[in-house]
C-alpha atoms as a PDB file:
ATOM      1  CA  MET A   1       4.803 -16.847   7.334  1.00  0.00           C
ATOM      2  CA  SER A   2       1.454 -16.133   5.762  1.00  0.00           C
ATOM      3  CA  GLY A   3      -1.886 -14.945   7.048  1.00  0.00           C
ATOM      4  CA  VAL A   4      -4.753 -16.735   5.355  1.00  0.00           C
ATOM      5  CA  TYR A   5      -8.131 -15.265   4.483  1.00  0.00           C
ATOM      6  CA  ASN A   6     -11.256 -16.468   2.780  1.00  0.00           C
ATOM      7  CA  ASN A   7     -11.890 -14.329  -0.283  1.00  0.00           C
ATOM      8  CA  ASN A   8     -15.632 -14.538   0.228  1.00  0.00           C
ATOM      9  CA  ASP A   9     -15.412 -12.338   3.313  1.00  0.00           C
ATOM     10  CA  SER A  10     -13.741  -9.331   1.699  1.00  0.00           C
ATOM     11  CA  ASN A  11     -12.274  -8.505  -1.651  1.00  0.00           C
ATOM     12  CA  LEU A  12      -8.755  -7.941  -0.366  1.00  0.00           C
ATOM     13  CA  MET A  13      -6.824  -8.706  -3.494  1.00  0.00           C
ATOM     14  CA  SER A  14      -8.814  -6.403  -5.755  1.00  0.00           C
ATOM     15  CA  GLN A  15      -8.541  -3.545  -3.256  1.00  0.00           C
ATOM     16  CA  PHE A  16      -4.899  -4.031  -2.299  1.00  0.00           C
ATOM     17  CA  PRO A  17      -3.175  -6.027  -5.043  1.00  0.00           C
ATOM     18  CA  SER A  18       0.347  -5.080  -3.974  1.00  0.00           C
ATOM     19  CA  HIS A  19       0.109  -7.088  -0.765  1.00  0.00           C
ATOM     20  CA  TYR A  20      -1.889 -10.178  -1.705  1.00  0.00           C
ATOM     21  CA  THR A  21      -1.731 -13.127  -4.034  1.00  0.00           C
ATOM     22  CA  ASP A  22      -4.267 -15.817  -4.825  1.00  0.00           C
ATOM     23  CA  VAL A  23      -3.765 -19.557  -4.614  1.00  0.00           C
ATOM     24  CA  ASN A  24      -6.766 -21.784  -5.317  1.00  0.00           C
ATOM     25  CA  GLY A  25      -9.244 -19.237  -4.038  1.00  0.00           C
ATOM     26  CA  ILE A  26      -7.400 -18.407  -0.856  1.00  0.00           C
ATOM     27  CA  GLY A  27      -5.823 -15.017  -0.223  1.00  0.00           C
ATOM     28  CA  PHE A  28      -2.309 -15.213   1.176  1.00  0.00           C
ATOM     29  CA  TYR A  29      -0.662 -12.226   2.782  1.00  0.00           C
ATOM     30  CA  ILE A  30       2.702 -11.640   1.136  1.00  0.00           C
ATOM     31  CA  THR A  31       5.659 -11.391   3.514  1.00  0.00           C
ATOM     32  CA  MET A  32       9.320 -10.746   2.940  1.00  0.00           C
ATOM     33  CA  THR A  33      11.376 -13.721   1.825  1.00  0.00           C
ATOM     34  CA  HIS A  34      14.124 -12.751   4.276  1.00  0.00           C
ATOM     35  CA  SER A  35      11.803 -12.458   7.289  1.00  0.00           C
ATOM     36  CA  SER A  36      13.769 -15.200   9.059  1.00  0.00           C
ATOM     37  CA  ASN A  37      16.650 -12.714   9.368  1.00  0.00           C
ATOM     38  CA  LEU A  38      14.494  -9.706  10.110  1.00  0.00           C
ATOM     39  CA  SER A  39      14.171 -10.324  13.853  1.00  0.00           C
ATOM     40  CA  GLU A  40      17.952 -10.374  14.217  1.00  0.00           C
ATOM     41  CA  LYS A  41      18.289  -7.134  12.265  1.00  0.00           C
ATOM     42  CA  ILE A  42      15.619  -5.416  14.353  1.00  0.00           C
ATOM     43  CA  ALA A  43      17.217  -6.604  17.588  1.00  0.00           C
ATOM     44  CA  GLN A  44      20.629  -5.366  16.466  1.00  0.00           C
ATOM     45  CA  PHE A  45      19.203  -2.008  15.374  1.00  0.00           C
ATOM     46  CA  TYR A  46      17.656  -1.378  18.789  1.00  0.00           C
ATOM     47  CA  ASP A  47      20.516  -2.944  20.740  1.00  0.00           C
ATOM     48  CA  THR A  48      22.857  -0.345  19.246  1.00  0.00           C
ATOM     49  CA  SER A  49      20.560   2.704  19.147  1.00  0.00           C
ATOM     50  CA  SER A  50      18.392   2.548  22.286  1.00  0.00           C
ATOM     51  CA  ASP A  51      20.998   3.923  24.665  1.00  0.00           C
ATOM     52  CA  LEU A  52      21.521   6.984  22.497  1.00  0.00           C
ATOM     53  CA  TRP A  53      17.787   7.485  22.054  1.00  0.00           C
ATOM     54  CA  GLU A  54      17.285   7.454  25.830  1.00  0.00           C
ATOM     55  CA  GLN A  55      20.216   9.836  26.302  1.00  0.00           C
ATOM     56  CA  ILE A  56      18.792  12.373  23.835  1.00  0.00           C
ATOM     57  CA  TRP A  57      15.039  11.793  23.940  1.00  0.00           C
ATOM     58  CA  GLY A  58      14.309   9.911  27.161  1.00  0.00           C
ATOM     59  CA  GLU A  59      12.329   6.773  27.821  1.00  0.00           C
ATOM     60  CA  HIS A  60       9.581   7.152  25.205  1.00  0.00           C
ATOM     61  CA  MET A  61      10.583   5.776  21.791  1.00  0.00           C
ATOM     62  CA  HIS A  62       7.602   6.987  19.775  1.00  0.00           C
ATOM     63  CA  HIS A  63       5.972  10.008  18.147  1.00  0.00           C
ATOM     64  CA  GLY A  64       4.617  12.946  20.079  1.00  0.00           C
ATOM     65  CA  TYR A  65       1.123  14.433  19.808  1.00  0.00           C
ATOM     66  CA  TYR A  66       0.920  18.112  18.810  1.00  0.00           C
ATOM     67  CA  GLY A  67      -2.852  18.617  18.586  1.00  0.00           C
ATOM     68  CA  ARG A  68      -5.076  17.321  15.805  1.00  0.00           C
ATOM     69  CA  GLY A  69      -3.742  20.007  13.498  1.00  0.00           C
ATOM     70  CA  GLY A  70      -0.122  19.525  14.569  1.00  0.00           C
ATOM     71  CA  ASN A  71       0.187  23.130  15.750  1.00  0.00           C
ATOM     72  CA  TYR A  72       0.684  22.757  19.518  1.00  0.00           C
ATOM     73  CA  LYS A  73       4.063  23.959  20.768  1.00  0.00           C
ATOM     74  CA  LEU A  74       5.121  21.368  23.329  1.00  0.00           C
ATOM     75  CA  ASN A  75       8.368  20.082  24.717  1.00  0.00           C
ATOM     76  CA  ARG A  76       9.200  16.708  23.272  1.00  0.00           C
ATOM     77  CA  ARG A  77       8.569  14.559  26.365  1.00  0.00           C
ATOM     78  CA  GLN A  78       5.199  16.173  27.067  1.00  0.00           C
ATOM     79  CA  ALA A  79       4.142  15.587  23.469  1.00  0.00           C
ATOM     80  CA  GLN A  80       5.038  11.895  23.801  1.00  0.00           C
ATOM     81  CA  ILE A  81       3.080  11.565  27.049  1.00  0.00           C
ATOM     82  CA  ASP A  82       0.184  13.398  25.414  1.00  0.00           C
ATOM     83  CA  LEU A  83       0.170  10.799  22.633  1.00  0.00           C
ATOM     84  CA  ILE A  84      -0.340   8.024  25.203  1.00  0.00           C
ATOM     85  CA  GLU A  85      -3.098   9.960  26.934  1.00  0.00           C
ATOM     86  CA  GLU A  86      -4.860  10.875  23.698  1.00  0.00           C
ATOM     87  CA  LEU A  87      -4.790   7.239  22.577  1.00  0.00           C
ATOM     88  CA  LEU A  88      -6.400   6.173  25.845  1.00  0.00           C
ATOM     89  CA  ILE A  89      -9.115   8.795  25.429  1.00  0.00           C
ATOM     90  CA  TRP A  90      -9.670   7.849  21.798  1.00  0.00           C
ATOM     91  CA  ALA A  91     -10.027   4.156  22.679  1.00  0.00           C
ATOM     92  CA  ASN A  92     -12.139   4.927  25.778  1.00  0.00           C
ATOM     93  CA  ILE A  93      -9.763   3.111  28.130  1.00  0.00           C
ATOM     94  CA  LYS A  94     -10.645   3.898  31.743  1.00  0.00           C
ATOM     95  CA  ASN A  95      -9.539   0.851  33.711  1.00  0.00           C
ATOM     96  CA  VAL A  96      -6.832  -1.739  33.102  1.00  0.00           C
ATOM     97  CA  SER A  97      -5.747  -4.605  35.346  1.00  0.00           C
ATOM     98  CA  ASN A  98      -3.352  -6.616  33.169  1.00  0.00           C
ATOM     99  CA  LEU A  99      -1.730  -5.330  29.971  1.00  0.00           C
ATOM    100  CA  VAL A 100       0.912  -6.310  27.458  1.00  0.00           C
ATOM    101  CA  ASP A 101       2.994  -3.754  25.586  1.00  0.00           C
ATOM    102  CA  VAL A 102       3.965  -5.355  22.275  1.00  0.00           C
ATOM    103  CA  GLY A 103       7.221  -3.772  21.157  1.00  0.00           C
ATOM    104  CA  CYS A 104       7.884  -2.100  24.495  1.00  0.00           C
ATOM    105  CA  GLY A 105      11.231  -0.428  23.807  1.00  0.00           C
ATOM    106  CA  ILE A 106      12.870   0.460  27.115  1.00  0.00           C
ATOM    107  CA  GLY A 107       9.520   0.383  28.895  1.00  0.00           C
ATOM    108  CA  GLY A 108       8.324   3.957  28.427  1.00  0.00           C
ATOM    109  CA  SER A 109       4.656   3.208  27.751  1.00  0.00           C
ATOM    110  CA  THR A 110       4.644   0.023  29.822  1.00  0.00           C
ATOM    111  CA  LEU A 111       5.705   1.738  33.010  1.00  0.00           C
ATOM    112  CA  TYR A 112       3.548   4.790  32.373  1.00  0.00           C
ATOM    113  CA  LEU A 113       0.443   2.636  31.933  1.00  0.00           C
ATOM    114  CA  ALA A 114       1.306   0.379  34.887  1.00  0.00           C
ATOM    115  CA  GLU A 115       1.564   3.391  37.171  1.00  0.00           C
ATOM    116  CA  LYS A 116      -1.463   5.188  35.770  1.00  0.00           C
ATOM    117  CA  PHE A 117      -3.803   2.213  36.177  1.00  0.00           C
ATOM    118  CA  ASN A 118      -2.024   0.438  39.049  1.00  0.00           C
ATOM    119  CA  ALA A 119      -1.974  -2.516  36.669  1.00  0.00           C
ATOM    120  CA  ASN A 120       0.169  -5.560  36.062  1.00  0.00           C
ATOM    121  CA  ALA A 121       2.138  -4.916  32.886  1.00  0.00           C
ATOM    122  CA  THR A 122       4.311  -7.046  30.632  1.00  0.00           C
ATOM    123  CA  GLY A 123       6.556  -5.648  27.913  1.00  0.00           C
ATOM    124  CA  ILE A 124       8.022  -7.668  25.069  1.00  0.00           C
ATOM    125  CA  THR A 125      10.759  -6.701  22.637  1.00  0.00           C
ATOM    126  CA  LEU A 126      13.186  -8.423  20.292  1.00  0.00           C
ATOM    127  CA  SER A 127      16.098  -6.503  21.821  1.00  0.00           C
ATOM    128  CA  PRO A 128      17.856  -7.954  24.896  1.00  0.00           C
ATOM    129  CA  VAL A 129      19.387  -4.544  25.539  1.00  0.00           C
ATOM    130  CA  GLN A 130      15.941  -2.956  25.657  1.00  0.00           C
ATOM    131  CA  ALA A 131      14.488  -5.674  27.887  1.00  0.00           C
ATOM    132  CA  ASN A 132      17.365  -5.316  30.359  1.00  0.00           C
ATOM    133  CA  ARG A 133      17.152  -1.533  30.428  1.00  0.00           C
ATOM    134  CA  ALA A 134      13.360  -1.630  30.868  1.00  0.00           C
ATOM    135  CA  THR A 135      13.807  -3.978  33.829  1.00  0.00           C
ATOM    136  CA  GLN A 136      16.354  -1.577  35.347  1.00  0.00           C
ATOM    137  CA  ARG A 137      14.019   1.358  34.843  1.00  0.00           C
ATOM    138  CA  ALA A 138      11.154  -0.520  36.530  1.00  0.00           C
ATOM    139  CA  THR A 139      13.338  -0.893  39.619  1.00  0.00           C
ATOM    140  CA  GLU A 140      14.377   2.764  39.480  1.00  0.00           C
ATOM    141  CA  VAL A 141      10.731   3.901  39.553  1.00  0.00           C
ATOM    142  CA  LYS A 142       9.707   1.204  42.055  1.00  0.00           C
ATOM    143  CA  LEU A 143       7.396  -0.669  39.692  1.00  0.00           C
ATOM    144  CA  GLU A 144       9.339  -3.939  39.598  1.00  0.00           C
ATOM    145  CA  GLY A 145       6.629  -5.686  41.611  1.00  0.00           C
ATOM    146  CA  ASN A 146       3.932  -5.433  38.954  1.00  0.00           C
ATOM    147  CA  THR A 147       5.924  -5.217  35.721  1.00  0.00           C
ATOM    148  CA  GLN A 148       8.100  -7.608  33.759  1.00  0.00           C
ATOM    149  CA  PHE A 149      10.026  -7.395  30.508  1.00  0.00           C
ATOM    150  CA  GLN A 150      11.205 -10.175  28.244  1.00  0.00           C
ATOM    151  CA  VAL A 151      12.581 -10.925  24.822  1.00  0.00           C
ATOM    152  CA  ALA A 152       9.770 -12.439  22.776  1.00  0.00           C
ATOM    153  CA  ASP A 153       8.396 -12.637  19.250  1.00  0.00           C
ATOM    154  CA  ALA A 154       5.136 -10.747  18.748  1.00  0.00           C
ATOM    155  CA  LEU A 155       4.101 -13.303  16.127  1.00  0.00           C
ATOM    156  CA  ASN A 156       4.392 -16.112  18.655  1.00  0.00           C
ATOM    157  CA  MET A 157       3.793 -14.592  22.080  1.00  0.00           C
ATOM    158  CA  PRO A 158       4.612 -16.800  25.089  1.00  0.00           C
ATOM    159  CA  PHE A 159       1.277 -16.142  26.773  1.00  0.00           C
ATOM    160  CA  PRO A 160      -1.915 -18.179  27.180  1.00  0.00           C
ATOM    161  CA  ASP A 161      -5.133 -17.331  25.376  1.00  0.00           C
ATOM    162  CA  HIS A 162      -7.448 -14.685  26.880  1.00  0.00           C
ATOM    163  CA  ASN A 163      -4.764 -13.274  29.183  1.00  0.00           C
ATOM    164  CA  PHE A 164      -4.744  -9.453  28.956  1.00  0.00           C
ATOM    165  CA  ASP A 165      -7.488  -6.846  29.133  1.00  0.00           C
ATOM    166  CA  LEU A 166      -5.348  -4.390  27.147  1.00  0.00           C
ATOM    167  CA  VAL A 167      -3.023  -5.238  24.271  1.00  0.00           C
ATOM    168  CA  TRP A 168      -1.018  -2.100  23.492  1.00  0.00           C
ATOM    169  CA  SER A 169       1.099  -1.708  20.362  1.00  0.00           C
ATOM    170  CA  LEU A 170       2.636   1.721  19.888  1.00  0.00           C
ATOM    171  CA  GLU A 171       4.709   1.859  16.694  1.00  0.00           C
ATOM    172  CA  SER A 172       5.651  -1.800  16.454  1.00  0.00           C
ATOM    173  CA  GLY A 173       3.256  -2.974  13.730  1.00  0.00           C
ATOM    174  CA  GLU A 174       5.488  -1.567  11.000  1.00  0.00           C
ATOM    175  CA  HIS A 175       8.211  -4.034  12.042  1.00  0.00           C
ATOM    176  CA  MET A 176       5.974  -7.099  11.716  1.00  0.00           C
ATOM    177  CA  PRO A 177       6.768  -9.332   8.719  1.00  0.00           C
ATOM    178  CA  ASP A 178       3.235 -10.741   8.811  1.00  0.00           C
ATOM    179  CA  LYS A 179       0.654  -8.111   9.725  1.00  0.00           C
ATOM    180  CA  ALA A 180      -2.215 -10.623   9.785  1.00  0.00           C
ATOM    181  CA  LYS A 181      -0.399 -13.040  12.096  1.00  0.00           C
ATOM    182  CA  PHE A 182       0.453 -10.108  14.353  1.00  0.00           C
ATOM    183  CA  PHE A 183      -3.208  -9.108  14.704  1.00  0.00           C
ATOM    184  CA  GLN A 184      -4.195 -12.754  15.183  1.00  0.00           C
ATOM    185  CA  GLU A 185      -1.754 -13.104  18.069  1.00  0.00           C
ATOM    186  CA  CYS A 186      -2.974  -9.885  19.673  1.00  0.00           C
ATOM    187  CA  TYR A 187      -6.532 -11.183  19.406  1.00  0.00           C
ATOM    188  CA  ARG A 188      -5.552 -14.565  20.872  1.00  0.00           C
ATOM    189  CA  VAL A 189      -3.967 -13.174  24.060  1.00  0.00           C
ATOM    190  CA  LEU A 190      -6.737 -10.603  24.606  1.00  0.00           C
ATOM    191  CA  LYS A 191      -9.438 -11.357  27.155  1.00  0.00           C
ATOM    192  CA  PRO A 192     -13.069 -11.304  26.000  1.00  0.00           C
ATOM    193  CA  GLY A 193     -14.194  -7.710  26.416  1.00  0.00           C
ATOM    194  CA  GLY A 194     -10.599  -6.483  26.343  1.00  0.00           C
ATOM    195  CA  THR A 195      -9.241  -3.801  24.028  1.00  0.00           C
ATOM    196  CA  PHE A 196      -6.508  -3.861  21.409  1.00  0.00           C
ATOM    197  CA  ILE A 197      -4.866  -0.555  20.451  1.00  0.00           C
ATOM    198  CA  CYS A 198      -2.408  -0.347  17.573  1.00  0.00           C
ATOM    199  CA  ALA A 199      -0.743   2.869  16.425  1.00  0.00           C
ATOM    200  CA  THR A 200       1.543   2.238  13.488  1.00  0.00           C
ATOM    201  CA  TRP A 201       3.309   3.671  10.455  1.00  0.00           C
ATOM    202  CA  CYS A 202       1.281   3.228   7.266  1.00  0.00           C
ATOM    203  CA  HIS A 203       1.464   4.329   3.667  1.00  0.00           C
ATOM    204  CA  ARG A 204      -1.350   6.271   2.062  1.00  0.00           C
ATOM    205  CA  PRO A 205      -4.487   4.381   0.986  1.00  0.00           C
ATOM    206  CA  THR A 206      -4.362   2.922  -2.497  1.00  0.00           C
ATOM    207  CA  ASN A 207      -8.076   2.144  -2.867  1.00  0.00           C
ATOM    208  CA  SER A 208      -9.008   5.803  -3.334  1.00  0.00           C
ATOM    209  CA  PHE A 209      -8.778   8.522  -5.981  1.00  0.00           C
ATOM    210  CA  ALA A 210      -4.976   8.681  -5.631  1.00  0.00           C
ATOM    211  CA  GLY A 211      -4.721   5.105  -6.865  1.00  0.00           C
ATOM    212  CA  ALA A 212      -1.796   2.714  -6.621  1.00  0.00           C
ATOM    213  CA  LEU A 213       1.579   3.757  -5.248  1.00  0.00           C
ATOM    214  CA  THR A 214       3.814   5.308  -7.888  1.00  0.00           C
ATOM    215  CA  GLN A 215       7.277   3.956  -8.586  1.00  0.00           C
ATOM    216  CA  GLU A 216       8.791   7.010  -6.901  1.00  0.00           C
ATOM    217  CA  GLU A 217       6.663   6.412  -3.808  1.00  0.00           C
ATOM    218  CA  LYS A 218       7.698   2.770  -3.714  1.00  0.00           C
ATOM    219  CA  GLN A 219      11.356   3.774  -3.909  1.00  0.00           C
ATOM    220  CA  HIS A 220      10.849   6.255  -1.065  1.00  0.00           C
ATOM    221  CA  LEU A 221       9.296   3.515   1.066  1.00  0.00           C
ATOM    222  CA  GLU A 222      12.038   1.042   0.200  1.00  0.00           C
ATOM    223  CA  GLU A 223      14.651   3.441   1.573  1.00  0.00           C
ATOM    224  CA  ILE A 224      12.683   3.757   4.815  1.00  0.00           C
ATOM    225  CA  TYR A 225      12.397  -0.023   5.034  1.00  0.00           C
ATOM    226  CA  ARG A 226      16.121  -0.480   4.518  1.00  0.00           C
ATOM    227  CA  VAL A 227      17.229   2.095   7.061  1.00  0.00           C
ATOM    228  CA  TYR A 228      14.749   1.283   9.825  1.00  0.00           C
ATOM    229  CA  CYS A 229      14.600  -2.527   9.432  1.00  0.00           C
ATOM    230  CA  LEU A 230      11.008  -2.691   8.227  1.00  0.00           C
ATOM    231  CA  PRO A 231       9.658  -5.515   6.050  1.00  0.00           C
ATOM    232  CA  TYR A 232       6.974  -3.293   4.530  1.00  0.00           C
ATOM    233  CA  VAL A 233       4.106  -1.065   5.638  1.00  0.00           C
ATOM    234  CA  ILE A 234       0.488  -1.211   4.556  1.00  0.00           C
ATOM    235  CA  SER A 235      -2.373   1.257   4.471  1.00  0.00           C
ATOM    236  CA  LEU A 236      -4.877   1.933   7.238  1.00  0.00           C
ATOM    237  CA  PRO A 237      -7.795   0.446   5.237  1.00  0.00           C
ATOM    238  CA  GLU A 238      -5.783  -2.770   4.942  1.00  0.00           C
ATOM    239  CA  TYR A 239      -5.299  -2.872   8.697  1.00  0.00           C
ATOM    240  CA  GLN A 240      -9.024  -2.359   9.159  1.00  0.00           C
ATOM    241  CA  VAL A 241      -9.801  -5.344   6.945  1.00  0.00           C
ATOM    242  CA  ILE A 242      -7.298  -7.498   8.839  1.00  0.00           C
ATOM    243  CA  ALA A 243      -8.874  -6.491  12.155  1.00  0.00           C
ATOM    244  CA  GLN A 244     -12.297  -7.458  10.845  1.00  0.00           C
ATOM    245  CA  GLN A 245     -11.013 -10.793   9.594  1.00  0.00           C
ATOM    246  CA  CYS A 246      -9.424 -11.562  12.964  1.00  0.00           C
ATOM    247  CA  GLY A 247     -12.773 -11.150  14.694  1.00  0.00           C
ATOM    248  CA  PHE A 248     -12.322  -7.828  16.481  1.00  0.00           C
ATOM    249  CA  LYS A 249     -15.554  -6.007  17.306  1.00  0.00           C
ATOM    250  CA  ASN A 250     -16.376  -2.304  17.621  1.00  0.00           C
ATOM    251  CA  ILE A 251     -13.433  -1.487  15.369  1.00  0.00           C
ATOM    252  CA  LYS A 252     -12.317   2.133  15.133  1.00  0.00           C
ATOM    253  CA  VAL A 253      -9.661   3.540  12.830  1.00  0.00           C
ATOM    254  CA  ASP A 254      -8.246   7.027  12.504  1.00  0.00           C
ATOM    255  CA  ASP A 255      -5.420   8.886  10.796  1.00  0.00           C
ATOM    256  CA  TRP A 256      -3.373  11.109  13.113  1.00  0.00           C
ATOM    257  CA  SER A 257      -0.688  12.032  10.603  1.00  0.00           C
ATOM    258  CA  MET A 258      -1.122  15.772  11.043  1.00  0.00           C
ATOM    259  CA  ALA A 259      -1.062  15.457  14.811  1.00  0.00           C
ATOM    260  CA  VAL A 260       2.314  13.696  14.909  1.00  0.00           C
ATOM    261  CA  ALA A 261       4.105  15.034  11.814  1.00  0.00           C
ATOM    262  CA  PRO A 262       6.068  17.791  13.658  1.00  0.00           C
ATOM    263  CA  PHE A 263       7.878  15.072  15.583  1.00  0.00           C
ATOM    264  CA  TRP A 264      10.371  14.286  12.846  1.00  0.00           C
ATOM    265  CA  ASP A 265      11.631  17.833  12.374  1.00  0.00           C
ATOM    266  CA  LEU A 266      12.237  18.009  16.128  1.00  0.00           C
ATOM    267  CA  VAL A 267      14.121  14.710  16.012  1.00  0.00           C
ATOM    268  CA  ILE A 268      16.249  16.034  13.155  1.00  0.00           C
ATOM    269  CA  ASP A 269      17.110  19.152  15.142  1.00  0.00           C
ATOM    270  CA  SER A 270      18.114  17.131  18.206  1.00  0.00           C
ATOM    271  CA  ALA A 271      20.067  14.525  16.219  1.00  0.00           C
ATOM    272  CA  PHE A 272      22.719  17.044  15.249  1.00  0.00           C
ATOM    273  CA  SER A 273      23.455  18.474  18.663  1.00  0.00           C
ATOM    274  CA  LEU A 274      27.014  17.960  19.926  1.00  0.00           C
ATOM    275  CA  GLU A 275      25.812  15.410  22.467  1.00  0.00           C
ATOM    276  CA  ALA A 276      23.949  13.423  19.805  1.00  0.00           C
ATOM    277  CA  ILE A 277      26.793  13.511  17.284  1.00  0.00           C
ATOM    278  CA  THR A 278      29.218  12.178  19.899  1.00  0.00           C
ATOM    279  CA  GLY A 279      26.748   9.425  20.779  1.00  0.00           C
ATOM    280  CA  LEU A 280      26.156   8.559  17.135  1.00  0.00           C
ATOM    281  CA  PHE A 281      29.823   7.827  16.528  1.00  0.00           C
ATOM    282  CA  LYS A 282      29.879   5.578  19.592  1.00  0.00           C
ATOM    283  CA  SER A 283      26.754   3.723  18.445  1.00  0.00           C
ATOM    284  CA  GLY A 284      28.095   2.705  15.044  1.00  0.00           C
ATOM    285  CA  TRP A 285      27.191   3.050  11.377  1.00  0.00           C
ATOM    286  CA  GLN A 286      23.659   1.628  11.527  1.00  0.00           C
ATOM    287  CA  THR A 287      22.599   4.263  14.032  1.00  0.00           C
ATOM    288  CA  ILE A 288      24.450   6.995  12.117  1.00  0.00           C
ATOM    289  CA  GLU A 289      22.654   6.005   8.916  1.00  0.00           C
ATOM    290  CA  GLY A 290      19.323   6.112  10.738  1.00  0.00           C
ATOM    291  CA  ALA A 291      20.049   9.656  11.906  1.00  0.00           C
ATOM    292  CA  LEU A 292      21.176  10.777   8.463  1.00  0.00           C
ATOM    293  CA  SER A 293      17.953   9.373   6.996  1.00  0.00           C
ATOM    294  CA  LEU A 294      15.502  11.110   9.338  1.00  0.00           C
ATOM    295  CA  GLY A 295      14.478  13.382   6.480  1.00  0.00           C
ATOM    296  CA  LEU A 296      12.943  10.375   4.707  1.00  0.00           C
ATOM    297  CA  MET A 297      10.189  10.290   7.316  1.00  0.00           C
ATOM    298  CA  SER A 298       9.749  14.061   7.432  1.00  0.00           C
ATOM    299  CA  ARG A 299       9.417  14.239   3.629  1.00  0.00           C
ATOM    300  CA  GLY A 300       7.145  11.205   3.652  1.00  0.00           C
ATOM    301  CA  TYR A 301       4.686  13.020   5.890  1.00  0.00           C
ATOM    302  CA  GLU A 302       4.968  16.220   3.842  1.00  0.00           C
ATOM    303  CA  ARG A 303       4.031  14.470   0.592  1.00  0.00           C
ATOM    304  CA  GLY A 304       1.219  12.469   2.201  1.00  0.00           C
ATOM    305  CA  LEU A 305       2.931   9.136   1.616  1.00  0.00           C
ATOM    306  CA  ILE A 306       3.589   8.251   5.268  1.00  0.00           C
ATOM    307  CA  ARG A 307       0.561   8.071   7.538  1.00  0.00           C
ATOM    308  CA  PHE A 308       0.173   7.491  11.264  1.00  0.00           C
ATOM    309  CA  GLY A 309      -2.688   5.043  11.552  1.00  0.00           C
ATOM    310  CA  LEU A 310      -4.707   3.942  14.565  1.00  0.00           C
ATOM    311  CA  VAL A 311      -6.717   0.753  14.957  1.00  0.00           C
ATOM    312  CA  CYS A 312      -8.766  -0.155  18.015  1.00  0.00           C
ATOM    313  CA  GLY A 313     -11.040  -3.110  18.604  1.00  0.00           C
ATOM    314  CA  GLN A 314     -12.536  -5.329  21.295  1.00  0.00           C
ATOM    315  CA  LYS A 315     -12.750  -9.097  21.639  1.00  0.00           C
END
């Protein structure tokens, strides 16, 4: 799959040569050649690991927020709830009637937002295990009447145009094999006047003084991709350009890397408790390898390679 851009609108390829190629004056977004198998790998990864994650960390499968400087001392669940709340404040979201959570996990954010806004909420995921567990959790918290969960592809969402007043993507963009197509789909299903919020893993900008990624940095990223079933990540400035090209208005971007960085050290600590180790062996090698590789993310934040990027825009 390829996202297509007109080079006259922005000089993408000169700014970000690692992610674009040129064919007869048209910029094509480069995607992984094995993207056809990626969805299956992602589904398998979360099918096998989600139960353990919920057992150790609860319903929220995303970073926590520890203050802009990353120095707040919070319990892990509160920090994850704070991330949701801070994102809503940052994007100036005050009322929602119908939302979609793209990459919903086991429904943590979906159910939280549905209850907070008394809204209809739909969650989509590639993992049947996650969709089933999210549906169970909706019943447990008595939100089954206004929420639904389904297995669906974020690059081809089974929804009509102009359907949701909030499109919410919390740490799913990094899994998308075509970042441009992903943003295009989010724009398509968004109602006019609605808001799109994307919080996603990025690498550091390459169109600044630091320059292109070094070979060592690329190798570091490749290990993260391999372990966590990612096709590739891009920089926040690249996401901003894609948002502009898709037609989003009032675009905001921000880097919250410092605010979320403590999360990974806390995950590492919890991953080697007796309860977690027992669960890891039950979950299988892929989950074990993910746990053993947690330091890749922690070190990535420490060296400034991994960034936590935010993009917000209206239709």
